Amino acid sequence: MFLDTPHRRLNILTNQWVLVSPHRMKRPWQGKVETPPKKQKISYDEKCYLCPGNTRANGTITEKYTETFVFDNDFGALMNNPKSETINDGLLTAKQESGICKVICFSPDHSLTLADMEVVDIEKVV
């Protein structure tokens, strides 16, 4: 297959050809490589919307949780709206979608990432 060499792809939205040169990712890098600064990790941040007991952006107080905490996203991509509307106006055809988006805080420790956590602690959510 030729997809690892220069080729053109048709953009079906614009009906125009686009040049793709994937082989350029193999070129050597001679630029500067910097080591990221080491930040001091803190277990609680009073400015973090998700830390236990803090006020979120919408004014709700985040529960003082001690283990995994799940709640409805204050600014979710979907809203729980059972009404369904459809628009069909020439070029635009759209249908309203509804749903619930959740936020999962795996730990009350602000400094932890999933990579830092034990698998058994992550599995508690599933």
Protein backbone atom coordinates (compact mmCIF):
# COMPACT_ATOMS: atom_id res chain seq x y z
CA MET A 1 0.00 0.00 0.00
CA PHE A 2 1.27 3.51 -0.79
CA LEU A 3 -0.11 5.28 2.31
CA ASP A 4 3.35 5.69 3.89
CA THR A 5 4.60 7.69 0.87
CA PRO A 6 3.40 11.05 -0.54
CA HIS A 7 -0.11 10.84 -1.95
CA ARG A 8 -3.28 12.86 -2.51
CA ARG A 9 -6.54 12.33 -0.69
CA LEU A 10 -9.91 13.58 -1.84
CA ASN A 11 -11.72 15.72 0.73
CA ILE A 12 -15.29 14.61 0.14
CA LEU A 13 -16.68 17.73 1.82
CA THR A 14 -14.92 20.21 -0.49
CA ASN A 15 -14.28 17.87 -3.41
CA GLN A 16 -10.64 19.07 -3.39
CA TRP A 17 -7.45 17.04 -3.37
CA VAL A 18 -5.18 17.37 -0.32
CA LEU A 19 -1.44 16.53 -0.34
CA VAL A 20 -0.37 14.13 2.43
CA SER A 21 3.35 13.50 3.11
CA PRO A 22 3.57 10.95 5.95
CA HIS A 23 7.24 10.11 5.27
CA ARG A 24 8.24 13.55 6.65
CA MET A 25 7.58 12.30 10.18
CA LYS A 26 10.73 10.15 9.82
CA ARG A 27 13.09 13.11 9.35
CA PRO A 28 15.70 13.64 12.07
CA TRP A 29 15.18 16.26 14.78
CA GLN A 30 18.15 18.50 15.51
CA GLY A 31 16.28 21.08 17.55
CA LYS A 32 16.52 21.67 21.24
CA VAL A 33 15.06 19.08 23.58
CA GLU A 34 14.06 20.46 26.95
CA THR A 35 13.35 18.65 30.16
CA PRO A 36 10.00 19.73 31.56
CA PRO A 37 10.28 21.48 34.92
CA LYS A 38 9.39 19.35 37.92
CA LYS A 39 6.33 20.77 39.59
CA GLN A 40 5.68 20.23 43.22
CA LYS A 41 2.64 18.00 43.47
CA ILE A 42 -0.08 19.09 45.86
CA SER A 43 -2.81 16.79 47.15
CA TYR A 44 -5.38 19.61 47.49
CA ASP A 45 -5.86 22.76 45.39
CA GLU A 46 -8.34 25.33 46.70
CA LYS A 47 -8.79 26.68 43.15
CA CYS A 48 -9.65 23.30 41.60
CA TYR A 49 -13.36 22.84 40.84
CA LEU A 50 -13.07 19.08 41.36
CA CYS A 51 -11.23 18.94 44.69
CA PRO A 52 -13.42 17.82 47.63
CA GLY A 53 -15.42 20.62 49.26
CA ASN A 54 -14.63 23.27 46.62
CA THR A 55 -17.15 25.37 44.70
CA ARG A 56 -17.58 24.35 41.06
CA ALA A 57 -17.98 26.83 38.18
CA ASN A 58 -21.78 26.68 38.39
CA GLY A 59 -21.80 27.43 42.14
CA THR A 60 -22.43 23.85 43.32
CA ILE A 61 -20.25 22.64 46.20
CA THR A 62 -18.31 19.47 45.33
CA GLU A 63 -19.00 16.80 47.93
CA LYS A 64 -16.15 16.11 50.40
CA TYR A 65 -15.49 12.72 48.86
CA THR A 66 -12.86 10.24 50.11
CA GLU A 67 -12.92 7.78 47.22
CA THR A 68 -14.08 7.76 43.60
CA PHE A 69 -16.75 10.43 43.05
CA VAL A 70 -19.08 10.59 40.02
CA PHE A 71 -21.47 13.45 39.22
CA ASP A 72 -23.33 15.00 36.28
CA ASN A 73 -21.11 17.31 34.21
CA ASP A 74 -22.09 20.94 34.80
CA PHE A 75 -21.26 21.78 31.18
CA GLY A 76 -21.77 18.44 29.43
CA ALA A 77 -21.72 17.96 25.67
CA LEU A 78 -25.30 16.67 25.95
CA MET A 79 -28.20 17.89 28.08
CA ASN A 80 -30.96 15.76 29.57
CA ASN A 81 -33.79 17.16 27.46
CA PRO A 82 -36.42 14.64 26.36
CA LYS A 83 -37.82 17.02 23.71
CA SER A 84 -36.72 16.06 20.21
CA GLU A 85 -36.76 18.56 17.37
CA THR A 86 -35.65 18.20 13.76
CA ILE A 87 -34.52 20.91 11.32
CA ASN A 88 -34.50 20.28 7.59
CA ASP A 89 -33.74 23.60 5.90
CA GLY A 90 -31.92 23.22 2.60
CA LEU A 91 -28.25 22.58 3.42
CA LEU A 92 -28.83 22.05 7.15
CA THR A 93 -30.44 18.91 8.45
CA ALA A 94 -30.17 18.43 12.21
CA LYS A 95 -31.88 16.50 14.98
CA GLN A 96 -31.72 17.41 18.65
CA GLU A 97 -29.92 14.89 20.88
CA SER A 98 -30.19 14.45 24.62
CA GLY A 99 -28.21 12.53 27.18
CA ILE A 100 -26.26 12.67 30.41
CA CYS A 101 -22.53 13.37 30.67
CA LYS A 102 -20.72 12.32 33.85
CA VAL A 103 -17.49 13.47 35.50
CA ILE A 104 -15.40 10.83 37.27
CA CYS A 105 -12.94 11.92 39.98
CA PHE A 106 -10.93 8.74 40.58
CA SER A 107 -9.28 10.08 43.74
CA PRO A 108 -9.63 13.03 46.11
CA ASP A 109 -5.84 13.49 45.79
CA HIS A 110 -5.36 16.36 43.31
CA SER A 111 -1.80 15.23 42.49
CA LEU A 112 -2.73 11.75 41.26
CA THR A 113 -3.16 10.84 37.62
CA LEU A 114 -4.50 7.51 36.38
CA ALA A 115 -0.92 6.50 35.56
CA ASP A 116 0.05 7.04 39.22
CA MET A 117 -2.86 5.05 40.65
CA GLU A 118 -3.05 1.37 41.49
CA VAL A 119 -5.18 -0.67 39.08
CA VAL A 120 -7.34 -1.95 41.96
CA ASP A 121 -8.30 1.64 42.84
CA ILE A 122 -9.24 2.42 39.25
CA GLU A 123 -11.28 -0.79 38.93
CA LYS A 124 -13.57 0.31 41.80
CA VAL A 125 -15.39 2.57 39.32
CA VAL A 126 -16.13 -0.14 36.77
